[in-house]
Amino acid sequence: MATTPEQSDFISIQRPIKAALRGEQPKELDNERLNLTTENWLRLCNEFGKLFKGAAGNLQYLTSYCESMERSRRQGAANAQRWFGDKATWCLP
């Protein structure tokens, strides 16, 4: 088992990594499916660890996640709104 995504032999992981390194968005991850602009998708790929230290997703999903974890503060709420907006339909805990 690979210790990092870059070391993975799985093509489904390698395609997005290679596309991100070229500054492109993989065809499998089109804007309609993720509801993200290409600019936001690339920024999230390249700087995700700088932008988010915990859960990530749109504000609605982040709020729901924090409530379920009984957290009184939504860490990353400003970045959630900025990068995911209201249309992104997913969350990463």
C-alpha atoms as a PDB file:
ATOM      1  CA  MET A   1       0.000   0.000   0.000  1.00  0.00           C
ATOM      2  CA  ALA A   2       1.293   3.438  -0.929  1.00  0.00           C
ATOM      3  CA  THR A   3       1.987   5.901   1.864  1.00  0.00           C
ATOM      4  CA  THR A   4       1.041   8.955  -0.235  1.00  0.00           C
ATOM      5  CA  PRO A   5      -1.373   9.494  -3.153  1.00  0.00           C
ATOM      6  CA  GLU A   6       1.574  10.314  -5.415  1.00  0.00           C
ATOM      7  CA  GLN A   7       3.025   6.843  -4.794  1.00  0.00           C
ATOM      8  CA  SER A   8      -0.232   5.039  -5.565  1.00  0.00           C
ATOM      9  CA  ASP A   9      -0.410   2.682  -8.516  1.00  0.00           C
ATOM     10  CA  PHE A  10      -4.139   3.305  -8.982  1.00  0.00           C
ATOM     11  CA  ILE A  11      -4.900   5.156 -12.213  1.00  0.00           C
ATOM     12  CA  SER A  12      -7.955   6.804 -10.624  1.00  0.00           C
ATOM     13  CA  ILE A  13      -5.601   8.591  -8.242  1.00  0.00           C
ATOM     14  CA  GLN A  14      -2.771   9.244 -10.685  1.00  0.00           C
ATOM     15  CA  ARG A  15      -4.888  11.049 -13.325  1.00  0.00           C
ATOM     16  CA  PRO A  16      -6.053  13.876 -11.031  1.00  0.00           C
ATOM     17  CA  ILE A  17      -2.557  14.265  -9.558  1.00  0.00           C
ATOM     18  CA  LYS A  18      -0.913  14.518 -12.974  1.00  0.00           C
ATOM     19  CA  ALA A  19      -3.568  16.942 -14.229  1.00  0.00           C
ATOM     20  CA  ALA A  20      -3.137  19.145 -11.148  1.00  0.00           C
ATOM     21  CA  LEU A  21       0.635  19.209 -11.642  1.00  0.00           C
ATOM     22  CA  ARG A  22       0.023  20.442 -15.206  1.00  0.00           C
ATOM     23  CA  GLY A  23      -2.406  23.077 -13.891  1.00  0.00           C
ATOM     24  CA  GLU A  24      -5.398  21.354 -15.478  1.00  0.00           C
ATOM     25  CA  GLN A  25      -8.639  19.899 -14.233  1.00  0.00           C
ATOM     26  CA  PRO A  26      -9.101  16.168 -14.947  1.00  0.00           C
ATOM     27  CA  LYS A  27     -11.955  15.344 -17.282  1.00  0.00           C
ATOM     28  CA  GLU A  28     -13.410  12.980 -14.668  1.00  0.00           C
ATOM     29  CA  LEU A  29     -13.893  15.933 -12.318  1.00  0.00           C
ATOM     30  CA  ASP A  30     -15.872  18.324 -14.452  1.00  0.00           C
ATOM     31  CA  ASN A  31     -17.361  21.554 -13.108  1.00  0.00           C
ATOM     32  CA  GLU A  32     -20.932  20.269 -13.301  1.00  0.00           C
ATOM     33  CA  ARG A  33     -20.180  17.287 -11.102  1.00  0.00           C
ATOM     34  CA  LEU A  34     -18.315  19.211  -8.405  1.00  0.00           C
ATOM     35  CA  ASN A  35     -19.987  22.589  -8.844  1.00  0.00           C
ATOM     36  CA  LEU A  36     -16.605  24.326  -8.626  1.00  0.00           C
ATOM     37  CA  THR A  37     -14.940  26.713 -11.016  1.00  0.00           C
ATOM     38  CA  THR A  38     -11.739  25.458 -12.600  1.00  0.00           C
ATOM     39  CA  GLU A  39      -9.812  28.216 -10.806  1.00  0.00           C
ATOM     40  CA  ASN A  40     -11.196  27.175  -7.417  1.00  0.00           C
ATOM     41  CA  TRP A  41     -10.607  23.484  -8.113  1.00  0.00           C
ATOM     42  CA  LEU A  42      -6.955  24.084  -8.982  1.00  0.00           C
ATOM     43  CA  ARG A  43      -6.418  26.321  -5.960  1.00  0.00           C
ATOM     44  CA  LEU A  44      -7.983  23.711  -3.680  1.00  0.00           C
ATOM     45  CA  CYS A  45      -5.785  20.968  -5.147  1.00  0.00           C
ATOM     46  CA  ASN A  46      -2.589  22.942  -4.790  1.00  0.00           C
ATOM     47  CA  GLU A  47      -3.239  24.639  -1.437  1.00  0.00           C
ATOM     48  CA  PHE A  48      -5.786  22.474   0.351  1.00  0.00           C
ATOM     49  CA  GLY A  49      -3.620  21.962   3.442  1.00  0.00           C
ATOM     50  CA  LYS A  50      -3.048  25.695   3.747  1.00  0.00           C
ATOM     51  CA  LEU A  51      -6.723  26.576   3.292  1.00  0.00           C
ATOM     52  CA  PHE A  52      -8.280  23.941   5.548  1.00  0.00           C
ATOM     53  CA  LYS A  53      -7.071  22.377   8.791  1.00  0.00           C
ATOM     54  CA  GLY A  54     -10.141  20.243   9.425  1.00  0.00           C
ATOM     55  CA  ALA A  55     -13.390  19.479   7.678  1.00  0.00           C
ATOM     56  CA  ALA A  56     -13.968  21.044   4.263  1.00  0.00           C
ATOM     57  CA  GLY A  57     -17.025  21.545   2.091  1.00  0.00           C
ATOM     58  CA  ASN A  58     -19.697  24.131   1.485  1.00  0.00           C
ATOM     59  CA  LEU A  59     -20.965  26.117   4.452  1.00  0.00           C
ATOM     60  CA  GLN A  60     -24.145  24.061   4.824  1.00  0.00           C
ATOM     61  CA  TYR A  61     -22.218  20.771   5.011  1.00  0.00           C
ATOM     62  CA  LEU A  62     -19.561  22.282   7.270  1.00  0.00           C
ATOM     63  CA  THR A  63     -22.247  23.552   9.649  1.00  0.00           C
ATOM     64  CA  SER A  64     -23.963  20.171   9.682  1.00  0.00           C
ATOM     65  CA  TYR A  65     -20.649  18.422  10.322  1.00  0.00           C
ATOM     66  CA  CYS A  66     -19.785  20.748  13.225  1.00  0.00           C
ATOM     67  CA  GLU A  67     -23.225  20.234  14.768  1.00  0.00           C
ATOM     68  CA  SER A  68     -22.875  16.451  14.545  1.00  0.00           C
ATOM     69  CA  MET A  69     -19.438  16.669  16.179  1.00  0.00           C
ATOM     70  CA  GLU A  70     -20.845  19.053  18.835  1.00  0.00           C
ATOM     71  CA  ARG A  71     -18.409  21.783  17.907  1.00  0.00           C
ATOM     72  CA  SER A  72     -19.466  25.324  18.745  1.00  0.00           C
ATOM     73  CA  ARG A  73     -17.115  26.920  16.195  1.00  0.00           C
ATOM     74  CA  ARG A  74     -17.061  26.255  12.453  1.00  0.00           C
ATOM     75  CA  GLN A  75     -13.321  26.299  11.789  1.00  0.00           C
ATOM     76  CA  GLY A  76     -12.728  27.139   8.140  1.00  0.00           C
ATOM     77  CA  ALA A  77     -16.141  28.766   7.562  1.00  0.00           C
ATOM     78  CA  ALA A  78     -14.685  31.754   5.692  1.00  0.00           C
ATOM     79  CA  ASN A  79     -12.679  29.520   3.354  1.00  0.00           C
ATOM     80  CA  ALA A  80     -15.665  27.218   2.896  1.00  0.00           C
ATOM     81  CA  GLN A  81     -17.745  30.156   1.710  1.00  0.00           C
ATOM     82  CA  ARG A  82     -14.974  31.576  -0.459  1.00  0.00           C
ATOM     83  CA  TRP A  83     -13.812  28.413  -2.217  1.00  0.00           C
ATOM     84  CA  PHE A  84     -16.881  26.190  -2.220  1.00  0.00           C
ATOM     85  CA  GLY A  85     -19.661  28.784  -2.252  1.00  0.00           C
ATOM     86  CA  ASP A  86     -23.240  27.642  -1.932  1.00  0.00           C
ATOM     87  CA  LYS A  87     -23.288  25.242  -4.854  1.00  0.00           C
ATOM     88  CA  ALA A  88     -20.595  22.718  -3.935  1.00  0.00           C
ATOM     89  CA  THR A  89     -22.351  19.555  -2.825  1.00  0.00           C
ATOM     90  CA  TRP A  90     -19.814  17.677  -0.770  1.00  0.00           C
ATOM     91  CA  CYS A  91     -17.839  17.691   2.458  1.00  0.00           C
ATOM     92  CA  LEU A  92     -14.576  16.118   3.600  1.00  0.00           C
ATOM     93  CA  PRO A  93     -14.453  15.366   7.354  1.00  0.00           C
END
